[in-house]
Amino acid sequence: MHSAREARPVRPRPEKSHAFYPDDLAPLQEVIESLKSRLRLAVIFGGNKATPGSVIYQCDNIRSWKSYEAVAQDIALALRRIGFRHVQLLPDDMLLGDRIRRERIHMAWINSGGVQGHNSAAHTPAMLEMLGIPYVGHDPLAVTTLDNKHAFKREAICVGLPTAPFSTWHMARGPFRPDLNSRFQRSFGDYDGPFVVKPVSGRASLNVHFVDDKRALTEAVAEVYRATQNEVLIEKYLRGREYCIAVAGPITAREGRLTRGRDPFTFAALERVLAHDEKIFTSMDLRPITHDRFKDLDPRQEAAKLDCMRRLAWEVFREFNLRSLIRLDIRSDENDGLHILEANPKPDLKQPADGITSLISAVAARRR
């Protein structure tokens, strides 16, 4: 549990040293081109614990499970399209190490949230670290922090990033009683609602509840716990509009040429369009992402908001020492102030098809 303090404004950061990223990218580009015919790549998707031989014993899924295999296929096709000749799909179950050794894999792309258990999104990068296999994705600490919303929000508060007031509860301590919970009261004071109650680790807005006032929190917290068997996050409901923006490292490739920007690369700045009866964005498992569910921000009329979103994205990428793509979900309050809801460590990269897409890929497809 943590009570939110007032966050400092997001300001431009001084230009950092580019020691990690060499000034001359031509040698790197030459190396990549020379490796396309030889490098053996694996795109890793979520293994299924119900598949015989995938685990020793089945246990709870704290994070709602999905294989992401279809998107892994899209990633593999994209890698082949740009010239990589040896690309395979592998599930991240207990046989992953044997498969990597047998297939003589040199490098991996992680597109998995894990198989089962606690902090499952960190299991695959941790295994690859132990095996010595380089990978595209977040390191175990980063992905654990990002995938546990309460841990992310606490660290965000420590570095002065704006996020809605929140508290947490675990049912091992008994039923949640807001009137008797001193930490809840320190977080929210005399605020009686509405609230959002959700898993600390989840995906696609599953098991997320809008709660009108604190009298209904006891049952809502119990319901989320029954679904996840894990800590539950209670957050102030922000009444404004909802946005997202993607951010990755400063080196990008356009038409086969590498370039490096001064700041992390931001793109896909969108507003999520809520239906008249939607208080929070409906899970993509229940209502797929179609083009009527988001819209671009006007670069002239909403320039200040776009600038603030970019600065928030840069701050998160730098302060959390990230090296891979995230999607930042943001919501405004009644005064149009922006607050970070979460930093999604594994945003959907589904290739657009038949009117259904992902929030990141839709923008990339429109701007080719």
Protein backbone atom coordinates (compact mmCIF):
# COMPACT_ATOMS: atom_id res chain seq x y z
CA MET A 1 0.00 0.00 0.00
CA HIS A 2 1.14 3.50 -0.64
CA SER A 3 -0.40 6.92 -0.51
CA ALA A 4 0.31 9.10 -3.52
CA ARG A 5 2.09 12.40 -3.00
CA GLU A 6 1.95 15.33 -5.33
CA ALA A 7 4.15 14.61 -8.33
CA ARG A 8 6.65 17.04 -9.72
CA PRO A 9 5.99 18.44 -13.21
CA VAL A 10 7.48 16.60 -16.16
CA ARG A 11 10.35 18.70 -17.51
CA PRO A 12 12.77 18.20 -20.37
CA ARG A 13 15.79 16.19 -19.28
CA PRO A 14 19.34 17.19 -20.15
CA GLU A 15 20.80 15.32 -23.06
CA LYS A 16 22.43 12.11 -21.87
CA SER A 17 25.67 10.57 -23.02
CA HIS A 18 25.28 8.20 -25.96
CA ALA A 19 28.08 5.93 -24.77
CA PHE A 20 25.70 2.97 -24.80
CA TYR A 21 24.67 3.80 -28.37
CA PRO A 22 27.61 4.49 -30.73
CA ASP A 23 27.50 7.67 -32.79
CA ASP A 24 28.29 5.87 -36.03
CA LEU A 25 25.58 3.29 -36.71
CA ALA A 26 27.04 2.14 -40.03
CA PRO A 27 29.14 -0.67 -38.49
CA LEU A 28 26.11 -1.92 -36.54
CA GLN A 29 24.03 -1.89 -39.71
CA GLU A 30 26.70 -3.85 -41.55
CA VAL A 31 26.83 -6.45 -38.78
CA ILE A 32 23.04 -6.86 -38.84
CA GLU A 33 23.03 -7.30 -42.61
CA SER A 34 25.81 -9.89 -42.44
CA LEU A 35 23.92 -11.86 -39.75
CA LYS A 36 20.58 -12.09 -41.57
CA SER A 37 21.59 -15.22 -43.44
CA ARG A 38 23.26 -16.93 -40.45
CA LEU A 39 21.58 -15.84 -37.21
CA ARG A 40 19.21 -18.45 -35.76
CA LEU A 41 16.31 -16.65 -34.09
CA ALA A 42 13.54 -17.93 -31.82
CA VAL A 43 10.28 -16.07 -31.24
CA ILE A 44 9.02 -17.34 -27.88
CA PHE A 45 5.32 -17.50 -27.04
CA GLY A 46 3.48 -18.62 -23.90
CA GLY A 47 3.62 -22.33 -23.16
CA ASN A 48 0.43 -24.09 -22.07
CA LYS A 49 0.64 -25.78 -18.67
CA ALA A 50 -2.04 -28.27 -19.80
CA THR A 51 0.25 -29.64 -22.53
CA PRO A 52 1.86 -32.91 -21.35
CA GLY A 53 5.51 -32.36 -20.44
CA SER A 54 5.25 -28.56 -20.27
CA VAL A 55 5.48 -28.34 -16.44
CA ILE A 56 6.15 -30.76 -13.59
CA TYR A 57 3.10 -29.74 -11.53
CA GLN A 58 0.32 -27.36 -12.54
CA CYS A 59 -0.32 -24.39 -10.26
CA ASP A 60 -2.36 -21.17 -10.27
CA ASN A 61 -2.03 -18.51 -12.94
CA ILE A 62 -1.68 -15.27 -10.99
CA ARG A 63 -1.52 -13.41 -14.29
CA SER A 64 -4.34 -14.26 -16.71
CA TRP A 65 -2.78 -16.65 -19.23
CA LYS A 66 -2.66 -16.33 -23.01
CA SER A 67 -0.30 -18.01 -25.45
CA TYR A 68 0.23 -15.00 -27.77
CA GLU A 69 1.19 -17.56 -30.42
CA ALA A 70 -0.70 -15.79 -33.22
CA VAL A 71 1.20 -12.55 -32.60
CA ALA A 72 4.47 -14.52 -32.35
CA GLN A 73 3.72 -15.78 -35.85
CA ASP A 74 3.25 -12.17 -37.02
CA ILE A 75 6.62 -11.23 -35.50
CA ALA A 76 8.33 -14.22 -37.13
CA LEU A 77 6.85 -13.32 -40.52
CA ALA A 78 8.05 -9.74 -40.15
CA LEU A 79 11.58 -10.91 -39.31
CA ARG A 80 11.61 -13.19 -42.36
CA ARG A 81 10.25 -10.37 -44.52
CA ILE A 82 13.19 -8.11 -43.67
CA GLY A 83 15.68 -10.85 -44.51
CA PHE A 84 16.29 -13.14 -41.52
CA ARG A 85 16.38 -16.68 -42.90
CA HIS A 86 16.31 -18.83 -39.75
CA VAL A 87 13.34 -17.95 -37.53
CA GLN A 88 11.48 -20.46 -35.36
CA LEU A 89 8.59 -20.31 -32.91
CA LEU A 90 9.14 -21.93 -29.52
CA PRO A 91 6.85 -22.24 -26.46
CA ASP A 92 8.30 -21.15 -23.11
CA ASP A 93 7.65 -24.28 -21.08
CA MET A 94 10.18 -26.34 -19.11
CA LEU A 95 11.61 -27.80 -22.33
CA LEU A 96 12.62 -24.39 -23.69
CA GLY A 97 16.30 -24.76 -22.79
CA ASP A 98 16.53 -28.15 -24.54
CA ARG A 99 14.81 -26.77 -27.64
CA ILE A 100 17.13 -23.76 -27.77
CA ARG A 101 20.18 -26.02 -27.53
CA ARG A 102 18.86 -28.53 -30.06
CA GLU A 103 17.95 -25.84 -32.60
CA ARG A 104 21.24 -23.98 -32.00
CA ILE A 105 19.41 -20.72 -31.31
CA HIS A 106 21.61 -17.61 -31.12
CA MET A 107 19.05 -15.00 -30.06
CA ALA A 108 15.40 -14.82 -28.97
CA TRP A 109 12.44 -12.45 -29.15
CA ILE A 110 10.19 -12.81 -26.09
CA ASN A 111 6.45 -12.61 -26.82
CA SER A 112 5.17 -14.35 -23.73
CA GLY A 113 3.61 -13.54 -20.39
CA GLY A 114 4.74 -16.84 -18.92
CA VAL A 115 3.18 -20.22 -18.20
CA GLN A 116 2.01 -20.17 -14.58
CA GLY A 117 2.84 -19.10 -11.05
CA HIS A 118 3.93 -15.77 -9.59
CA ASN A 119 5.76 -13.14 -11.68
CA SER A 120 5.40 -15.38 -14.73
CA ALA A 121 6.36 -12.61 -17.17
CA ALA A 122 9.88 -12.75 -15.70
CA HIS A 123 10.37 -16.50 -16.05
CA THR A 124 11.46 -16.56 -19.70
CA PRO A 125 13.96 -13.66 -19.53
CA ALA A 126 15.36 -15.14 -16.31
CA MET A 127 15.85 -18.49 -18.05
CA LEU A 128 17.49 -16.84 -21.07
CA GLU A 129 19.80 -14.88 -18.77
CA MET A 130 20.84 -18.13 -17.12
CA LEU A 131 21.37 -19.82 -20.50
CA GLY A 132 23.36 -16.88 -21.85
CA ILE A 133 20.98 -16.27 -24.78
CA PRO A 134 20.58 -12.59 -25.80
CA TYR A 135 16.98 -11.52 -26.33
CA VAL A 136 14.61 -8.76 -27.35
CA GLY A 137 12.48 -7.95 -24.31
CA HIS A 138 12.69 -6.66 -20.75
CA ASP A 139 15.12 -8.02 -18.20
CA PRO A 140 13.62 -9.95 -15.24
CA LEU A 141 13.66 -7.01 -12.81
CA ALA A 142 12.15 -4.55 -15.27
CA VAL A 143 9.36 -6.85 -16.43
CA THR A 144 8.51 -7.85 -12.85
CA THR A 145 8.26 -4.20 -11.83
CA LEU A 146 6.19 -3.19 -14.86
CA ASP A 147 3.89 -6.23 -14.68
CA ASN A 148 3.11 -5.63 -11.00
CA LYS A 149 1.12 -2.40 -11.09
CA HIS A 150 1.54 -1.63 -7.39
CA ALA A 151 5.33 -2.00 -7.63
CA PHE A 152 5.41 0.19 -10.73
CA LYS A 153 3.22 2.86 -9.13
CA ARG A 154 5.31 2.95 -5.95
CA GLU A 155 8.50 3.46 -7.93
CA ALA A 156 6.79 6.03 -10.16
CA ILE A 157 5.82 8.01 -7.06
CA CYS A 158 9.39 7.86 -5.77
CA VAL A 159 10.71 9.54 -8.93
CA GLY A 160 7.88 12.09 -9.04
CA LEU A 161 5.77 10.67 -11.88
CA PRO A 162 2.01 11.35 -11.63
CA THR A 163 -0.26 8.39 -10.86
CA ALA A 164 -3.67 8.10 -9.23
CA PRO A 165 -3.88 7.50 -5.44
CA PHE A 166 -4.05 3.79 -4.64
CA SER A 167 -3.91 1.11 -2.01
CA THR A 168 -3.60 -2.69 -2.06
CA TRP A 169 -4.99 -5.62 -0.15
CA HIS A 170 -4.31 -9.35 0.09
CA MET A 171 -7.11 -11.60 1.30
CA ALA A 172 -4.65 -13.63 3.40
CA ARG A 173 -5.17 -10.80 5.91
CA GLY A 174 -8.93 -11.33 5.87
CA PRO A 175 -11.76 -9.37 4.24
CA PHE A 176 -10.98 -5.84 3.13
CA ARG A 177 -12.52 -3.28 5.50
CA PRO A 178 -11.92 0.25 4.17
CA ASP A 179 -13.24 1.96 7.32
CA LEU A 180 -10.73 0.06 9.48
CA ASN A 181 -7.77 0.19 7.12
CA SER A 182 -5.43 3.01 8.13
CA ARG A 183 -3.30 2.82 4.98
CA PHE A 184 -6.38 3.02 2.76
CA GLN A 185 -7.46 6.08 4.72
CA ARG A 186 -4.03 7.70 4.34
CA SER A 187 -4.21 7.12 0.59
CA PHE A 188 -7.74 8.40 0.04
CA GLY A 189 -8.59 10.62 3.00
CA ASP A 190 -12.26 11.61 2.83
CA TYR A 191 -12.61 10.48 -0.80
CA ASP A 192 -15.54 8.02 -0.94
CA GLY A 193 -15.42 7.01 -4.59
CA PRO A 194 -15.71 6.00 -7.29
CA PHE A 195 -12.83 3.49 -7.46
CA VAL A 196 -11.28 1.01 -9.86
CA VAL A 197 -10.46 -2.42 -8.41
CA LYS A 198 -8.14 -4.66 -10.44
CA PRO A 199 -5.40 -7.29 -10.28
CA VAL A 200 -1.90 -6.03 -9.60
CA SER A 201 -0.74 -8.29 -12.44
CA GLY A 202 -3.02 -8.80 -15.40
CA ARG A 203 -3.67 -8.19 -19.05
CA ALA A 204 -6.31 -6.88 -21.45
CA SER A 205 -8.39 -5.19 -18.70
CA LEU A 206 -9.61 -8.58 -17.44
CA ASN A 207 -11.08 -8.70 -13.90
CA VAL A 208 -11.16 -4.89 -13.68
CA HIS A 209 -14.17 -3.45 -11.80
CA PHE A 210 -15.66 0.02 -11.52
CA VAL A 211 -16.95 0.58 -7.97
CA ASP A 212 -19.23 3.51 -7.15
CA ASP A 213 -18.30 3.99 -3.49
CA LYS A 214 -16.20 2.44 -0.76
CA ARG A 215 -19.11 0.47 0.71
CA ALA A 216 -18.89 -1.87 -2.29
CA LEU A 217 -15.12 -2.32 -2.10
CA THR A 218 -15.18 -5.35 0.21
CA GLU A 219 -16.99 -7.57 -2.29
CA ALA A 220 -15.12 -6.19 -5.33
CA VAL A 221 -11.74 -6.88 -3.72
CA ALA A 222 -12.88 -10.40 -2.79
CA GLU A 223 -14.05 -11.03 -6.36
CA VAL A 224 -10.73 -9.98 -7.93
CA TYR A 225 -8.86 -12.08 -5.38
CA ARG A 226 -10.99 -15.13 -6.19
CA ALA A 227 -10.02 -14.73 -9.86
CA THR A 228 -6.29 -14.16 -9.29
CA GLN A 229 -5.30 -15.46 -5.84
CA ASN A 230 -3.05 -12.44 -5.56
CA GLU A 231 -2.75 -8.89 -4.27
CA VAL A 232 -5.58 -6.55 -5.34
CA LEU A 233 -5.13 -2.92 -6.40
CA ILE A 234 -7.65 -0.25 -5.37
CA GLU A 235 -7.26 2.99 -7.30
CA LYS A 236 -9.05 6.32 -7.47
CA TYR A 237 -11.26 6.49 -10.57
CA LEU A 238 -10.18 9.32 -12.85
CA ARG A 239 -13.12 10.93 -14.63
CA GLY A 240 -11.32 12.23 -17.73
CA ARG A 241 -10.30 10.80 -21.10
CA GLU A 242 -8.02 7.81 -21.59
CA TYR A 243 -4.87 7.77 -23.72
CA CYS A 244 -1.92 5.58 -24.60
CA ILE A 245 1.51 6.07 -26.13
CA ALA A 246 4.27 3.61 -27.05
CA VAL A 247 7.93 4.18 -26.34
CA ALA A 248 11.10 2.28 -27.26
CA GLY A 249 14.82 2.97 -27.46
CA PRO A 250 16.28 5.86 -29.49
CA ILE A 251 17.64 3.69 -32.32
CA THR A 252 15.05 3.04 -35.04
CA ALA A 253 15.06 1.49 -38.50
CA ARG A 254 13.18 3.04 -41.41
CA GLU A 255 13.41 1.41 -44.84
CA GLY A 256 16.40 -0.59 -43.65
CA ARG A 257 18.43 2.35 -42.36
CA LEU A 258 19.29 2.79 -38.69
CA THR A 259 19.00 6.23 -37.10
CA ARG A 260 19.33 7.40 -33.53
CA GLY A 261 17.32 10.16 -31.94
CA ARG A 262 18.22 12.24 -28.93
CA ASP A 263 15.31 10.82 -26.90
CA PRO A 264 13.58 7.45 -26.65
CA PHE A 265 11.34 6.92 -29.67
CA THR A 266 7.64 7.57 -29.00
CA PHE A 267 4.79 6.71 -31.35
CA ALA A 268 1.16 5.54 -31.41
CA ALA A 269 -0.16 8.42 -29.30
CA LEU A 270 -3.90 7.74 -29.23
CA GLU A 271 -7.08 8.43 -27.35
CA ARG A 272 -9.06 5.34 -26.42
CA VAL A 273 -12.69 5.91 -27.34
CA LEU A 274 -15.06 4.81 -24.58
CA ALA A 275 -18.67 3.93 -25.37
CA HIS A 276 -21.35 5.88 -23.51
CA ASP A 277 -21.77 2.99 -21.05
CA GLU A 278 -18.03 2.35 -20.54
CA LYS A 279 -16.40 3.66 -17.39
CA ILE A 280 -13.18 1.77 -18.18
CA PHE A 281 -11.86 0.32 -21.42
CA THR A 282 -13.45 -3.10 -22.03
CA SER A 283 -11.13 -6.09 -22.25
CA MET A 284 -9.91 -6.84 -25.77
CA ASP A 285 -10.85 -10.48 -25.07
CA LEU A 286 -14.48 -9.39 -24.79
CA ARG A 287 -14.49 -6.57 -27.34
CA PRO A 288 -11.70 -6.69 -29.96
CA ILE A 289 -9.75 -3.55 -30.84
CA THR A 290 -11.41 -2.10 -33.94
CA HIS A 291 -10.71 1.25 -35.59
CA ASP A 292 -13.70 2.89 -33.91
CA ARG A 293 -12.20 2.26 -30.46
CA PHE A 294 -9.38 4.78 -30.77
CA LYS A 295 -8.52 8.03 -32.51
CA ASP A 296 -5.42 10.10 -33.22
CA LEU A 297 -4.76 13.24 -31.20
CA ASP A 298 -4.88 16.44 -33.22
CA PRO A 299 -1.23 17.65 -33.45
CA ARG A 300 -2.33 21.30 -33.47
CA GLN A 301 -5.26 21.50 -31.09
CA GLU A 302 -3.77 19.00 -28.62
CA ALA A 303 -0.07 19.78 -29.05
CA ALA A 304 0.43 20.48 -25.33
CA LYS A 305 -1.15 17.16 -24.36
CA LEU A 306 0.93 15.26 -26.91
CA ASP A 307 4.08 16.93 -25.60
CA CYS A 308 3.20 15.98 -22.02
CA MET A 309 2.50 12.37 -23.03
CA ARG A 310 5.85 12.14 -24.82
CA ARG A 311 7.68 13.54 -21.80
CA LEU A 312 5.95 11.06 -19.48
CA ALA A 313 6.97 8.24 -21.81
CA TRP A 314 10.59 9.46 -21.92
CA GLU A 315 10.67 9.73 -18.12
CA VAL A 316 9.36 6.19 -17.61
CA PHE A 317 11.75 4.71 -20.18
CA ARG A 318 14.74 6.41 -18.57
CA GLU A 319 13.86 6.15 -14.88
CA PHE A 320 13.09 2.43 -15.14
CA ASN A 321 16.22 1.78 -17.25
CA LEU A 322 14.22 0.09 -20.01
CA ARG A 323 15.68 -1.42 -23.17
CA SER A 324 12.53 -2.60 -24.93
CA LEU A 325 9.09 -1.48 -26.04
CA ILE A 326 6.30 -0.56 -23.63
CA ARG A 327 2.87 1.05 -23.98
CA LEU A 328 2.04 3.71 -21.43
CA ASP A 329 -1.64 3.90 -20.45
CA ILE A 330 -2.67 7.35 -19.22
CA ARG A 331 -5.89 8.89 -17.95
CA SER A 332 -6.83 12.49 -17.21
CA ASP A 333 -8.57 13.74 -14.09
CA GLU A 334 -11.43 16.23 -13.85
CA ASN A 335 -8.93 19.09 -14.34
CA ASP A 336 -7.38 17.45 -17.44
CA GLY A 337 -4.19 16.57 -15.57
CA LEU A 338 -2.52 13.40 -16.87
CA HIS A 339 -1.84 10.40 -14.63
CA ILE A 340 -0.09 7.16 -15.55
CA LEU A 341 -2.29 4.10 -15.08
CA GLU A 342 0.35 1.53 -15.99
CA ALA A 343 3.30 0.74 -18.24
CA ASN A 344 2.41 -2.36 -20.24
CA PRO A 345 5.59 -4.46 -20.69
CA LYS A 346 4.10 -6.65 -23.41
CA PRO A 347 1.80 -4.53 -25.56
CA ASP A 348 -0.12 -6.38 -28.25
CA LEU A 349 1.64 -6.32 -31.63
CA LYS A 350 -1.08 -8.01 -33.64
CA GLN A 351 -0.84 -7.34 -37.35
CA PRO A 352 -3.95 -5.43 -38.52
CA ALA A 353 -6.46 -7.64 -40.34
CA ASP A 354 -10.20 -7.60 -41.11
CA GLY A 355 -10.88 -4.43 -39.15
CA ILE A 356 -9.24 -5.78 -35.97
CA THR A 357 -5.86 -4.53 -34.83
CA SER A 358 -3.84 -3.49 -31.80
CA LEU A 359 -3.36 0.01 -30.48
CA ILE A 360 0.31 0.06 -31.53
CA SER A 361 0.15 -1.74 -34.87
CA ALA A 362 -2.80 0.30 -36.14
CA VAL A 363 -0.77 3.50 -36.16
CA ALA A 364 2.30 1.82 -37.67
CA ALA A 365 0.17 0.40 -40.50
CA ARG A 366 -1.44 3.77 -41.27
CA ARG A 367 1.90 5.60 -41.44
CA ARG A 368 3.90 3.32 -43.70
